[in-house]
Amino acid sequence: MGTLTALGMTGPTVLLGGCGGLHYVAARTEGSRLEIEVAELEPGGAGYVAAPGLDRPIYVHRTARGSYAAVLAECTHRRCIPEPAGERLVCPCHGSEFTLAGQVLEGPAERDLPTFRVEAQGPLLIIETGGLG
């Protein structure tokens, strides 16, 4: 297993959640930025990142165009953590579905997931949290 570095702590990669669990990747913080190693993402370029001050992770994935996108993994209906299912994020609590870019496809959620700017810099991804957390 890899390491999780967030909130100034280091430890084993965390697996949480239902079927298969949620894969958390290592992160470093610098101001309102999170830095993660692309190599720490799951095959296909996806994973959850713990963000300081947030009680829900950020879901990062590689898009079909080869860039990366990030959304707050918190269903806007009842705050459960949506899980990837093919090309969607599905809330295990009440069935809301979102695109991987965070747009609502099916309720009961009525609002899109908050998004974050992501920039690739060599082997790193920089996620701008905009002061959340």
Protein backbone atom coordinates (compact mmCIF):
# COMPACT_ATOMS: atom_id res chain seq x y z
CA MET A 1 0.00 0.00 0.00
CA GLY A 2 1.05 3.58 -0.58
CA THR A 3 1.00 6.45 1.86
CA LEU A 4 -1.56 9.10 2.66
CA THR A 5 -0.14 12.49 3.47
CA ALA A 6 -2.75 15.07 4.37
CA LEU A 7 -3.33 17.34 7.30
CA GLY A 8 0.35 16.88 8.11
CA MET A 9 -0.02 13.14 8.80
CA THR A 10 1.59 10.18 7.08
CA GLY A 11 0.26 6.64 7.14
CA PRO A 12 -0.99 3.77 5.00
CA THR A 13 -3.36 4.34 2.09
CA VAL A 14 -6.91 4.43 3.41
CA LEU A 15 -9.67 2.23 2.02
CA LEU A 16 -13.16 3.21 3.12
CA GLY A 17 -16.71 2.74 1.97
CA GLY A 18 -18.89 -0.01 0.58
CA CYS A 19 -18.22 -2.42 -2.26
CA GLY A 20 -14.52 -2.37 -3.06
CA GLY A 21 -13.84 0.67 -0.87
CA LEU A 22 -12.56 4.09 -1.78
CA HIS A 23 -8.92 4.43 -2.83
CA TYR A 24 -7.26 7.50 -1.28
CA VAL A 25 -4.07 8.84 -2.82
CA ALA A 26 -1.15 10.62 -1.17
CA ALA A 27 -1.44 14.42 -1.05
CA ARG A 28 0.60 17.40 0.08
CA THR A 29 -0.90 20.76 0.88
CA GLU A 30 0.46 24.17 0.10
CA GLY A 31 -1.95 27.00 0.86
CA SER A 32 -5.14 26.37 -1.11
CA ARG A 33 -3.46 23.75 -3.30
CA LEU A 34 -3.29 20.00 -3.06
CA GLU A 35 -0.46 18.18 -4.82
CA ILE A 36 -0.74 14.50 -5.70
CA GLU A 37 1.47 12.10 -7.61
CA VAL A 38 -0.21 10.91 -10.82
CA ALA A 39 1.41 7.51 -10.26
CA GLU A 40 -0.60 7.12 -7.01
CA LEU A 41 -3.93 7.15 -8.87
CA GLU A 42 -5.70 3.92 -9.72
CA PRO A 43 -5.16 2.47 -13.21
CA GLY A 44 -7.05 4.72 -15.60
CA GLY A 45 -6.16 7.80 -13.55
CA ALA A 46 -8.76 8.05 -10.76
CA GLY A 47 -8.79 8.28 -6.97
CA TYR A 48 -9.99 10.13 -3.89
CA VAL A 49 -7.89 12.81 -2.18
CA ALA A 50 -8.31 13.83 1.46
CA ALA A 51 -8.48 17.62 1.70
CA PRO A 52 -7.57 19.44 4.93
CA GLY A 53 -10.61 20.91 6.62
CA LEU A 54 -13.09 18.97 4.50
CA ASP A 55 -14.93 15.97 5.87
CA ARG A 56 -15.43 14.57 2.36
CA PRO A 57 -12.75 13.71 -0.21
CA ILE A 58 -12.13 15.15 -3.65
CA TYR A 59 -12.60 12.69 -6.53
CA VAL A 60 -10.02 13.09 -9.31
CA HIS A 61 -10.16 11.34 -12.67
CA ARG A 62 -8.49 11.44 -16.04
CA THR A 63 -10.85 12.58 -18.81
CA ALA A 64 -11.18 11.06 -22.27
CA ARG A 65 -9.11 14.01 -23.57
CA GLY A 66 -6.23 13.14 -21.25
CA SER A 67 -6.66 16.07 -18.86
CA TYR A 68 -7.83 15.71 -15.25
CA ALA A 69 -10.98 16.83 -13.48
CA ALA A 70 -11.81 17.02 -9.77
CA VAL A 71 -15.09 17.26 -7.85
CA LEU A 72 -16.03 17.31 -4.20
CA ALA A 73 -17.20 13.75 -3.49
CA GLU A 74 -20.20 14.79 -1.45
CA CYS A 75 -23.70 14.16 -2.79
CA THR A 76 -25.63 17.43 -2.77
CA HIS A 77 -28.71 15.56 -1.54
CA ARG A 78 -27.67 14.07 1.82
CA ARG A 79 -23.84 14.33 1.87
CA CYS A 80 -23.00 10.66 1.17
CA ILE A 81 -19.83 9.93 -0.83
CA PRO A 82 -20.69 9.05 -4.45
CA GLU A 83 -18.69 6.18 -5.93
CA PRO A 84 -17.52 5.69 -9.51
CA ALA A 85 -19.62 3.35 -11.64
CA GLY A 86 -18.41 3.37 -15.23
CA GLU A 87 -18.74 6.93 -16.53
CA ARG A 88 -20.80 8.11 -13.54
CA LEU A 89 -20.56 8.83 -9.85
CA VAL A 90 -23.42 7.11 -8.03
CA CYS A 91 -24.54 7.91 -4.50
CA PRO A 92 -24.93 4.66 -2.56
CA CYS A 93 -27.42 6.22 -0.11
CA HIS A 94 -30.32 7.36 -2.30
CA GLY A 95 -29.23 6.69 -5.90
CA SER A 96 -28.37 10.17 -7.18
CA GLU A 97 -26.14 10.00 -10.26
CA PHE A 98 -23.62 12.52 -11.52
CA THR A 99 -21.29 12.73 -14.50
CA LEU A 100 -17.62 12.36 -13.60
CA ALA A 101 -17.45 16.14 -14.12
CA GLY A 102 -20.08 16.58 -11.39
CA GLN A 103 -23.30 17.38 -13.29
CA VAL A 104 -26.51 15.86 -11.90
CA LEU A 105 -27.90 13.13 -14.17
CA GLU A 106 -30.54 11.73 -11.84
CA GLY A 107 -31.94 12.81 -8.47
CA PRO A 108 -32.92 13.12 -5.78
CA ALA A 109 -29.89 15.50 -5.82
CA GLU A 110 -30.77 18.76 -7.56
CA ARG A 111 -27.39 20.53 -7.52
CA ASP A 112 -24.15 19.66 -9.30
CA LEU A 113 -21.06 18.65 -7.32
CA PRO A 114 -18.59 21.49 -6.67
CA THR A 115 -15.62 21.34 -9.06
CA PHE A 116 -11.95 22.21 -8.68
CA ARG A 117 -9.35 23.42 -11.16
CA VAL A 118 -6.68 20.78 -11.86
CA GLU A 119 -3.32 21.38 -13.52
CA ALA A 120 -0.80 18.72 -14.53
CA GLN A 121 2.83 19.62 -13.79
CA GLY A 122 5.03 16.72 -14.82
CA PRO A 123 4.42 13.81 -12.43
CA LEU A 124 2.19 15.98 -10.18
CA LEU A 125 -1.42 17.09 -10.29
CA ILE A 126 -2.18 20.41 -8.63
CA ILE A 127 -5.75 20.76 -7.36
CA GLU A 128 -6.77 24.32 -6.51
CA THR A 129 -9.25 24.10 -3.63
CA GLY A 130 -10.02 27.82 -3.67
CA GLY A 131 -9.79 28.12 0.08
CA LEU A 132 -12.24 25.31 0.91
CA GLY A 133 -11.12 23.68 4.10
